[in-house]
Structure formats: structure tokens, C-alpha cells
N, C-alpha and C. Protein backbone atom coordinates (compact mmCIF):
# COMPACT_ATOMS: atom_id res chain seq x y z
N MET A 1 4.47 -2.43 23.88
CA MET A 1 3.56 -3.60 22.47
C MET A 1 3.96 -2.74 20.99
N SER A 2 4.60 -2.13 21.02
CA SER A 2 5.04 -0.72 20.01
C SER A 2 6.25 -1.60 19.37
N THR A 3 7.54 -2.17 19.87
CA THR A 3 8.23 -3.11 19.35
C THR A 3 7.90 -4.15 18.56
N HIS A 4 6.98 -4.79 19.14
CA HIS A 4 6.10 -6.05 18.49
C HIS A 4 5.32 -5.24 17.44
N LEU A 5 5.06 -4.59 17.12
CA LEU A 5 4.01 -4.25 16.02
C LEU A 5 4.89 -3.76 14.83
N VAL A 6 5.65 -3.26 15.45
CA VAL A 6 7.10 -2.80 14.39
C VAL A 6 7.61 -4.07 13.73
N GLN A 7 7.46 -5.25 14.76
CA GLN A 7 8.38 -6.48 14.29
C GLN A 7 7.03 -7.09 12.75
N VAL A 8 6.00 -6.86 13.06
CA VAL A 8 4.95 -7.70 12.51
C VAL A 8 4.85 -6.62 11.19
N VAL A 9 4.90 -5.48 11.25
CA VAL A 9 5.25 -4.77 10.08
C VAL A 9 6.14 -5.51 9.08
N GLN A 10 7.62 -5.70 9.83
CA GLN A 10 8.14 -6.02 9.04
C GLN A 10 8.24 -7.19 8.57
N SER A 11 7.45 -8.11 9.04
CA SER A 11 7.47 -9.11 8.46
C SER A 11 6.54 -9.33 7.59
N MET A 12 5.20 -8.46 7.73
CA MET A 12 4.50 -8.31 6.76
C MET A 12 5.22 -7.69 4.88
N TYR A 13 6.13 -6.79 5.43
CA TYR A 13 7.08 -6.79 4.07
C TYR A 13 7.79 -7.75 3.77
N ALA A 14 8.95 -8.00 4.47
CA ALA A 14 9.23 -9.68 4.28
C ALA A 14 8.60 -10.83 3.44
N ALA A 15 6.88 -10.47 3.70
CA ALA A 15 6.30 -11.86 2.93
C ALA A 15 6.18 -10.97 1.83
N PHE A 16 5.65 -9.58 1.52
CA PHE A 16 5.63 -9.29 0.41
C PHE A 16 6.63 -9.39 -0.66
N GLY A 17 7.79 -9.27 -0.45
CA GLY A 17 9.26 -9.17 -0.94
C GLY A 17 9.22 -10.88 -1.41
N ARG A 18 9.07 -11.96 -0.65
CA ARG A 18 8.33 -13.16 -1.21
C ARG A 18 7.40 -13.83 -1.92
N GLY A 19 6.66 -12.35 -2.11
CA GLY A 19 5.70 -13.05 -2.77
C GLY A 19 4.73 -13.64 -2.10
N ASP A 20 4.76 -13.40 -1.18
CA ASP A 20 4.11 -14.87 0.06
C ASP A 20 2.32 -13.95 0.61
N VAL A 21 2.24 -13.99 -0.07
CA VAL A 21 0.79 -13.06 0.11
C VAL A 21 -0.18 -13.51 1.38
N PRO A 22 -0.27 -14.30 1.45
CA PRO A 22 -1.51 -15.65 2.90
C PRO A 22 -0.42 -14.84 3.93
N ALA A 23 0.93 -15.06 4.09
CA ALA A 23 1.31 -14.77 5.32
C ALA A 23 1.48 -12.99 5.58
N LEU A 24 0.94 -12.25 4.49
CA LEU A 24 1.15 -10.83 4.62
C LEU A 24 -0.62 -10.47 5.30
N LEU A 25 -1.50 -11.81 4.75
CA LEU A 25 -2.73 -11.59 5.03
C LEU A 25 -2.87 -11.83 6.40
N ALA A 26 -1.71 -12.72 7.25
CA ALA A 26 -2.04 -13.15 8.52
C ALA A 26 -2.63 -12.44 9.68
N PRO A 27 -1.89 -11.44 9.74
CA PRO A 27 -1.64 -10.29 10.65
C PRO A 27 -3.00 -9.30 10.97
N LEU A 28 -3.95 -9.52 9.53
CA LEU A 28 -5.18 -8.73 9.46
C LEU A 28 -5.90 -9.18 10.18
N ARG A 29 -7.00 -7.75 10.51
CA ARG A 29 -8.42 -8.62 11.00
C ARG A 29 -9.37 -8.50 10.37
N ALA A 30 -10.46 -9.53 10.53
CA ALA A 30 -11.67 -9.80 9.39
C ALA A 30 -11.95 -8.36 8.66
N ASP A 31 -12.58 -7.35 9.32
CA ASP A 31 -13.12 -6.32 9.02
C ASP A 31 -11.75 -4.68 8.62
N VAL A 32 -10.40 -5.19 8.40
CA VAL A 32 -9.58 -4.63 8.09
C VAL A 32 -10.34 -3.77 6.97
N ASP A 33 -9.39 -2.52 7.27
CA ASP A 33 -9.71 -0.96 6.49
C ASP A 33 -8.31 -0.87 5.53
N TRP A 34 -8.34 -1.06 4.35
CA TRP A 34 -6.79 -0.92 3.51
C TRP A 34 -7.23 -0.43 2.15
N HIS A 35 -6.64 0.88 2.50
CA HIS A 35 -6.86 2.05 1.24
C HIS A 35 -5.63 2.93 1.34
N VAL A 36 -5.49 3.89 -0.29
CA VAL A 36 -4.87 4.56 -0.40
C VAL A 36 -5.40 6.26 -0.48
N ASN A 37 -4.88 7.20 0.94
CA ASN A 37 -5.26 8.43 0.75
C ASN A 37 -5.17 9.31 -0.36
N VAL A 38 -6.37 9.04 -1.36
CA VAL A 38 -6.84 9.58 -2.06
C VAL A 38 -8.49 9.98 -2.41
N ASP A 39 -8.36 11.13 -3.58
CA ASP A 39 -9.79 11.66 -3.43
C ASP A 39 -10.48 11.16 -4.58
N PRO A 40 -11.36 10.34 -4.25
CA PRO A 40 -11.58 9.43 -5.50
C PRO A 40 -12.42 10.36 -6.62
N LYS A 41 -12.53 11.46 -6.66
CA LYS A 41 -12.88 12.40 -7.43
C LYS A 41 -11.47 13.26 -8.17
N ALA A 42 -10.21 13.00 -7.48
CA ALA A 42 -9.25 13.27 -8.22
C ALA A 42 -8.86 12.80 -9.86
N PRO A 43 -8.17 13.76 -10.51
CA PRO A 43 -8.48 13.40 -11.65
C PRO A 43 -7.46 12.19 -11.89
N GLY A 44 -8.08 11.24 -12.59
CA GLY A 44 -7.45 9.30 -12.59
C GLY A 44 -7.83 8.89 -11.81
N ALA A 45 -7.99 9.38 -10.60
CA ALA A 45 -7.93 7.92 -9.28
C ALA A 45 -9.06 6.72 -9.36
N SER A 46 -10.44 7.66 -10.74
CA SER A 46 -11.02 6.13 -10.80
C SER A 46 -10.08 4.90 -11.50
N ALA A 47 -9.14 5.77 -12.39
CA ALA A 47 -8.97 4.33 -13.60
C ALA A 47 -7.85 3.45 -12.78
N VAL A 48 -7.11 3.98 -11.59
CA VAL A 48 -6.33 3.13 -11.42
C VAL A 48 -6.45 2.39 -9.94
N PRO A 49 -6.82 0.90 -10.71
CA PRO A 49 -7.47 -0.24 -9.48
C PRO A 49 -7.07 0.18 -8.37
N LEU A 50 -4.96 0.39 -8.02
CA LEU A 50 -4.96 -0.02 -6.60
C LEU A 50 -5.33 1.41 -6.06
N PHE A 51 -5.87 2.45 -6.32
CA PHE A 51 -6.67 3.63 -5.58
C PHE A 51 -8.17 3.30 -4.69
N ARG A 52 -8.42 1.78 -5.33
CA ARG A 52 -9.98 1.57 -4.37
C ARG A 52 -9.38 1.15 -3.04
N PRO A 53 -10.32 1.41 -2.39
CA PRO A 53 -10.69 1.04 -0.79
C PRO A 53 -10.54 -0.15 -1.12
N ARG A 54 -10.51 -0.92 0.12
CA ARG A 54 -10.60 -2.46 0.13
C ARG A 54 -10.88 -2.77 1.90
N HIS A 55 -11.89 -3.71 1.72
CA HIS A 55 -11.98 -4.22 2.95
C HIS A 55 -12.31 -5.74 3.40
N GLY A 56 -11.63 -6.23 4.30
CA GLY A 56 -11.33 -7.58 4.86
C GLY A 56 -10.10 -8.04 3.69
N PRO A 57 -9.59 -9.44 4.66
CA PRO A 57 -8.27 -9.90 3.87
C PRO A 57 -8.53 -10.16 2.29
N ALA A 58 -9.99 -10.76 2.17
CA ALA A 58 -9.55 -11.18 0.80
C ALA A 58 -10.12 -9.98 -0.10
N GLU A 59 -10.49 -8.93 0.13
CA GLU A 59 -10.38 -7.82 -1.01
C GLU A 59 -8.68 -6.93 -0.76
N VAL A 60 -7.97 -7.07 0.37
CA VAL A 60 -6.77 -6.70 0.62
C VAL A 60 -5.87 -7.72 -0.92
N GLY A 61 -6.37 -9.17 -0.57
CA GLY A 61 -5.66 -10.14 -1.12
C GLY A 61 -5.46 -9.70 -2.50
N GLN A 62 -7.11 -9.40 -3.29
CA GLN A 62 -7.28 -9.18 -4.59
C GLN A 62 -6.22 -7.63 -4.42
N PHE A 63 -6.21 -6.66 -3.60
CA PHE A 63 -5.19 -5.47 -4.25
C PHE A 63 -3.75 -5.91 -4.23
N PHE A 64 -3.09 -6.83 -3.65
CA PHE A 64 -2.03 -7.68 -4.08
C PHE A 64 -2.00 -8.41 -5.40
N ALA A 65 -3.02 -9.01 -5.38
CA ALA A 65 -3.29 -9.34 -6.94
C ALA A 65 -3.02 -8.06 -8.18
N ASP A 66 -4.15 -7.39 -7.74
CA ASP A 66 -3.79 -6.19 -8.67
C ASP A 66 -2.36 -5.67 -9.26
N LEU A 67 -1.95 -5.54 -7.60
CA LEU A 67 -0.49 -4.80 -7.62
C LEU A 67 0.64 -5.61 -8.80
N ALA A 68 0.31 -6.97 -8.40
CA ALA A 68 1.22 -7.61 -9.22
C ALA A 68 0.55 -7.68 -10.94
N ALA A 69 -0.08 -7.84 -10.95
CA ALA A 69 -0.88 -7.50 -12.42
C ALA A 69 -0.19 -6.40 -13.02
N ASN A 70 -0.41 -5.18 -12.38
CA ASN A 70 -0.42 -4.09 -12.85
C ASN A 70 0.98 -3.28 -12.77
N LEU A 71 1.98 -4.15 -11.99
CA LEU A 71 3.20 -2.68 -11.61
C LEU A 71 4.38 -4.45 -11.38
N GLU A 72 5.72 -3.60 -12.28
CA GLU A 72 6.72 -4.25 -12.27
C GLU A 72 7.79 -3.48 -11.29
N PHE A 73 7.89 -4.03 -9.54
CA PHE A 73 8.67 -3.69 -8.69
C PHE A 73 10.12 -3.72 -9.42
N HIS A 74 10.81 -2.34 -8.93
CA HIS A 74 12.24 -2.64 -9.50
C HIS A 74 13.03 -2.58 -7.73
N SER A 75 12.41 -1.86 -6.97
CA SER A 75 12.68 -1.72 -5.52
C SER A 75 11.83 -1.45 -4.61
N PHE A 76 11.95 -1.67 -3.51
CA PHE A 76 10.69 -1.22 -2.60
C PHE A 76 11.84 -1.60 -1.04
N GLN A 77 12.12 -0.58 -0.86
CA GLN A 77 12.63 0.11 0.50
C GLN A 77 11.93 0.50 1.63
N PRO A 78 11.70 -0.02 2.64
CA PRO A 78 11.18 0.76 3.82
C PRO A 78 12.72 1.35 4.42
N GLN A 79 12.36 2.72 5.15
CA GLN A 79 13.87 3.83 5.24
C GLN A 79 13.63 3.70 6.61
N SER A 80 12.94 4.02 6.76
CA SER A 80 12.49 4.00 8.56
C SER A 80 11.07 3.62 9.24
N PHE A 81 10.87 3.15 10.82
CA PHE A 81 9.75 2.69 11.38
C PHE A 81 9.60 3.69 12.61
N LEU A 82 8.37 4.47 12.35
CA LEU A 82 7.95 5.27 13.27
C LEU A 82 6.94 4.39 14.56
N SER A 83 6.69 4.19 15.63
CA SER A 83 5.98 3.15 16.12
C SER A 83 5.08 4.26 17.64
N GLY A 84 3.73 3.96 17.69
CA GLY A 84 3.27 4.22 19.18
C GLY A 84 2.53 3.33 19.49
N GLU A 85 2.15 4.01 20.28
CA GLU A 85 1.13 2.52 21.20
C GLU A 85 0.23 1.55 20.33
N ARG A 86 -0.06 1.62 19.25
CA ARG A 86 -0.96 0.89 18.33
C ARG A 86 -1.03 1.25 17.29
N GLU A 87 0.11 2.46 16.45
CA GLU A 87 0.18 2.86 15.47
C GLU A 87 1.94 2.26 14.97
N VAL A 88 2.39 2.30 13.39
CA VAL A 88 3.39 1.81 12.98
C VAL A 88 3.34 2.82 11.60
N ALA A 89 4.04 3.49 11.49
CA ALA A 89 4.29 4.78 10.13
C ALA A 89 5.62 3.89 9.69
N VAL A 90 5.88 3.68 8.53
CA VAL A 90 7.13 3.97 7.64
C VAL A 90 7.28 4.43 6.20
N ARG A 91 8.11 4.99 6.64
CA ARG A 91 8.94 5.52 5.37
C ARG A 91 9.65 4.79 3.95
N VAL A 92 8.78 5.14 3.24
CA VAL A 92 9.15 3.92 1.89
C VAL A 92 9.42 4.28 0.76
N LEU A 93 10.84 3.78 0.20
CA LEU A 93 11.16 4.43 -1.14
C LEU A 93 10.44 3.50 -1.91
N MET A 94 10.08 3.59 -3.32
CA MET A 94 10.02 2.71 -4.22
C MET A 94 9.97 3.02 -5.76
N GLU A 95 10.47 2.12 -6.31
CA GLU A 95 9.96 2.21 -8.08
C GLU A 95 9.44 1.35 -8.52
N ALA A 96 9.22 1.47 -9.63
CA ALA A 96 8.15 0.40 -10.33
C ALA A 96 7.96 0.98 -11.69
N THR A 97 7.45 0.21 -12.82
CA THR A 97 7.20 0.32 -13.73
C THR A 97 5.44 0.19 -14.23
N VAL A 98 4.64 0.87 -14.71
CA VAL A 98 3.38 0.37 -14.60
C VAL A 98 3.31 -0.16 -15.84
N LYS A 99 2.90 -1.56 -15.84
CA LYS A 99 3.19 -2.41 -17.15
C LYS A 99 2.32 -2.18 -18.20
N SER A 100 1.22 -1.26 -18.24
CA SER A 100 0.16 -0.79 -19.26
C SER A 100 0.79 0.19 -20.29
N THR A 101 1.60 1.12 -18.77
CA THR A 101 2.26 2.24 -20.57
C THR A 101 3.81 2.07 -20.16
N GLY A 102 3.98 1.27 -19.84
CA GLY A 102 5.58 1.39 -19.61
C GLY A 102 6.63 2.29 -19.27
N ARG A 103 5.97 3.28 -17.97
CA ARG A 103 6.35 3.93 -17.15
C ARG A 103 6.89 3.58 -16.20
N ARG A 104 7.94 4.01 -15.72
CA ARG A 104 8.29 3.90 -14.79
C ARG A 104 8.52 4.68 -13.84
N ALA A 105 8.28 4.88 -12.54
CA ALA A 105 8.01 6.03 -11.40
C ALA A 105 8.99 5.16 -9.90
N GLN A 106 9.46 6.65 -9.65
CA GLN A 106 9.86 6.39 -8.33
C GLN A 106 9.21 6.93 -7.44
N PHE A 107 8.69 6.74 -5.83
CA PHE A 107 7.96 7.20 -5.18
C PHE A 107 8.84 6.83 -3.68
N GLU A 108 8.19 7.90 -2.97
CA GLU A 108 8.07 7.83 -1.62
C GLU A 108 7.12 7.89 -0.54
N SER A 109 6.77 7.33 0.06
CA SER A 109 5.40 6.66 0.42
C SER A 109 5.76 6.91 2.39
N ILE A 110 4.37 7.15 2.78
CA ILE A 110 4.31 6.78 4.06
C ILE A 110 3.26 5.90 4.42
N HIS A 111 3.46 4.57 4.89
CA HIS A 111 2.17 3.50 4.91
C HIS A 111 2.21 3.89 6.41
N HIS A 112 0.95 3.85 6.81
CA HIS A 112 0.48 4.04 8.21
C HIS A 112 -0.22 2.73 8.59
N PHE A 113 0.19 1.93 9.64
CA PHE A 113 -0.71 0.80 10.62
C PHE A 113 -1.30 1.08 11.23
N THR A 114 -2.88 0.99 11.76
CA THR A 114 -3.30 0.77 13.14
C THR A 114 -3.59 -0.23 13.31
N PHE A 115 -3.57 -0.85 14.81
CA PHE A 115 -3.62 -1.90 15.51
C PHE A 115 -4.61 -2.16 16.40
N ASP A 116 -5.50 -3.45 16.66
CA ASP A 116 -6.62 -3.54 17.81
C ASP A 116 -5.83 -3.63 18.81
N GLU A 117 -6.58 -3.79 19.69
CA GLU A 117 -5.77 -4.34 21.14
C GLU A 117 -5.11 -6.00 21.50
N LYS A 118 -5.18 -6.57 20.45
CA LYS A 118 -5.21 -7.98 20.25
C LYS A 118 -3.64 -7.80 19.45
N GLY A 119 -3.53 -6.50 18.75
CA GLY A 119 -2.51 -6.34 17.91
C GLY A 119 -2.22 -7.04 16.15
N ARG A 120 -3.53 -6.85 15.83
CA ARG A 120 -3.94 -7.19 14.80
C ARG A 120 -4.23 -5.67 13.80
N VAL A 121 -3.78 -6.02 12.64
CA VAL A 121 -4.23 -4.62 11.90
C VAL A 121 -5.14 -4.23 11.35
N ALA A 122 -6.00 -3.01 12.06
CA ALA A 122 -7.18 -2.81 11.94
C ALA A 122 -7.22 -1.94 10.60
N ARG A 123 -6.25 -1.02 10.36
CA ARG A 123 -6.61 0.17 9.43
C ARG A 123 -4.89 -0.10 8.72
N PHE A 124 -4.92 0.20 7.64
CA PHE A 124 -3.34 0.76 6.71
C PHE A 124 -3.87 1.68 5.37
N VAL A 125 -3.23 2.74 5.77
CA VAL A 125 -3.37 3.80 4.84
C VAL A 125 -1.92 4.01 4.06
N ASP A 126 -2.27 3.90 2.83
CA ASP A 126 -0.79 4.70 2.06
C ASP A 126 -0.57 6.08 1.66
N PHE A 127 0.22 6.88 2.21
CA PHE A 127 0.08 8.17 1.95
C PHE A 127 1.33 8.31 1.08
N LEU A 128 1.08 8.60 -0.58
CA LEU A 128 1.85 9.23 -1.36
C LEU A 128 1.37 10.35 -2.27
N ASP A 129 2.51 10.28 -3.45
CA ASP A 129 1.92 11.37 -4.52
C ASP A 129 0.81 10.73 -5.75
N THR A 130 -0.49 10.64 -5.09
CA THR A 130 -1.53 10.26 -6.09
C THR A 130 -1.27 10.17 -7.23
N LEU A 131 -1.33 11.76 -7.25
CA LEU A 131 -1.24 12.62 -9.06
C LEU A 131 -0.09 12.00 -9.61
N ALA A 132 1.29 11.96 -9.22
CA ALA A 132 2.04 11.44 -10.11
C ALA A 132 1.74 9.85 -10.08
N ASP A 133 1.29 9.15 -9.51
CA ASP A 133 1.45 7.60 -9.57
C ASP A 133 0.09 7.57 -10.54
N ALA A 134 -1.15 8.44 -10.74
CA ALA A 134 -2.01 8.17 -11.48
C ALA A 134 -1.38 8.77 -13.15
N ASP A 135 -0.36 9.90 -12.98
CA ASP A 135 0.18 10.70 -14.00
C ASP A 135 0.95 8.96 -14.89
N SER A 136 1.67 8.17 -13.28
CA SER A 136 2.25 7.01 -14.24
C SER A 136 1.61 6.09 -15.20
N TRP A 137 0.10 6.05 -15.06
CA TRP A 137 -0.94 5.10 -15.58
C TRP A 137 -1.53 5.80 -16.71
N ASN A 138 -0.73 7.16 -16.81
CA ASN A 138 -1.47 7.92 -18.29
C ASN A 138 -2.70 7.93 -18.10
N VAL A 139 -3.21 8.53 -16.69
CA VAL A 139 -5.08 8.49 -16.88
C VAL A 139 -5.01 10.07 -16.48
N VAL A 140 -3.97 10.82 -16.13
CA VAL A 140 -4.59 12.40 -15.98
C VAL A 140 -4.24 12.74 -17.26
N GLN A 141 -5.19 13.67 -17.48
CA GLN A 141 -5.29 14.85 -18.43
C GLN A 141 -5.87 16.17 -18.05
N ALA A 142 -5.16 17.20 -18.74
CA ALA A 142 -5.12 18.50 -18.31
C ALA A 142 -6.37 18.93 -18.79
N LYS A 143 -7.08 19.71 -17.85
CA LYS A 143 -8.55 20.55 -18.33
C LYS A 143 -7.85 21.34 -19.34
N ARG A 144 -8.88 21.48 -20.23
CA ARG A 144 -8.57 22.49 -21.19
C ARG A 144 -9.75 23.50 -20.68
């Protein structure tokens, strides 16, 4: 099943590249848990709309609407795919500009997909440097 799951994730990335959100949402379970691995109390976390957890395809669709409204991607490059029985992890290199600040940032991220027994995405977690990401939104202030 793991080869098939890698193909599902690759098709989701291809849909993202085309801007085809319905195709990207198609493999999701109705109760999918979609979130960035961030402490909501971390500096600036509450001010970054992409850090809000999402549940269900409609909220994940809103995540991608927020992504398009707030970021201009210059590159999005999946580098490697690791898979287990019901998991796929992807190392991704990204470069984007936050539209509200004009700050351009490069990120290396691990995307972790967990699948149910029917091969549907049950959970997605994005592991990235959330402090650097929040800083590119200009929402991190040093404590004095």
C-alpha cells in the first residue's frame, strides 16, 4: 500500500501546483485533521492564519485559500518521500513571499501524512521552523 500512498501524495502536490484545490481535497477523509506543528502560545503564532488547525475538507480548503491570499510561492519542491504502512513523510523545500510584509523566506519542511485503512488522508502535519515563518509575517517581537 505504501507505494500507492506515495502516489496519492504526489498527486496532491501536482494538484497544488496546478491550483486545483478540489483535486487536492479529494483524498481527504471527512474528519481529516490538518495542522502545522506549532505551539499556539508561541510568539506570533496566533497572528499567522496558516497556523490555525483545520478539520474536514472545507476547512482545509480554507487553508489553501488563506495560503493563496497571503503567500506568493517562488518554488515548492518535494525532495524525498519516505513511506510506511499508512504514513508518508515528504521533505519539501519552499520559497515564498509574505504578501503583507514583502518578506521573502526559504523553508525546509517535513510534511507528514497519515492514512486510514481505506487509503484516505486522516491527518496532515507540517513540521517547519515556525518562529522563522512567524518572523516573515513580522509578528514576532522580542521580549524586553
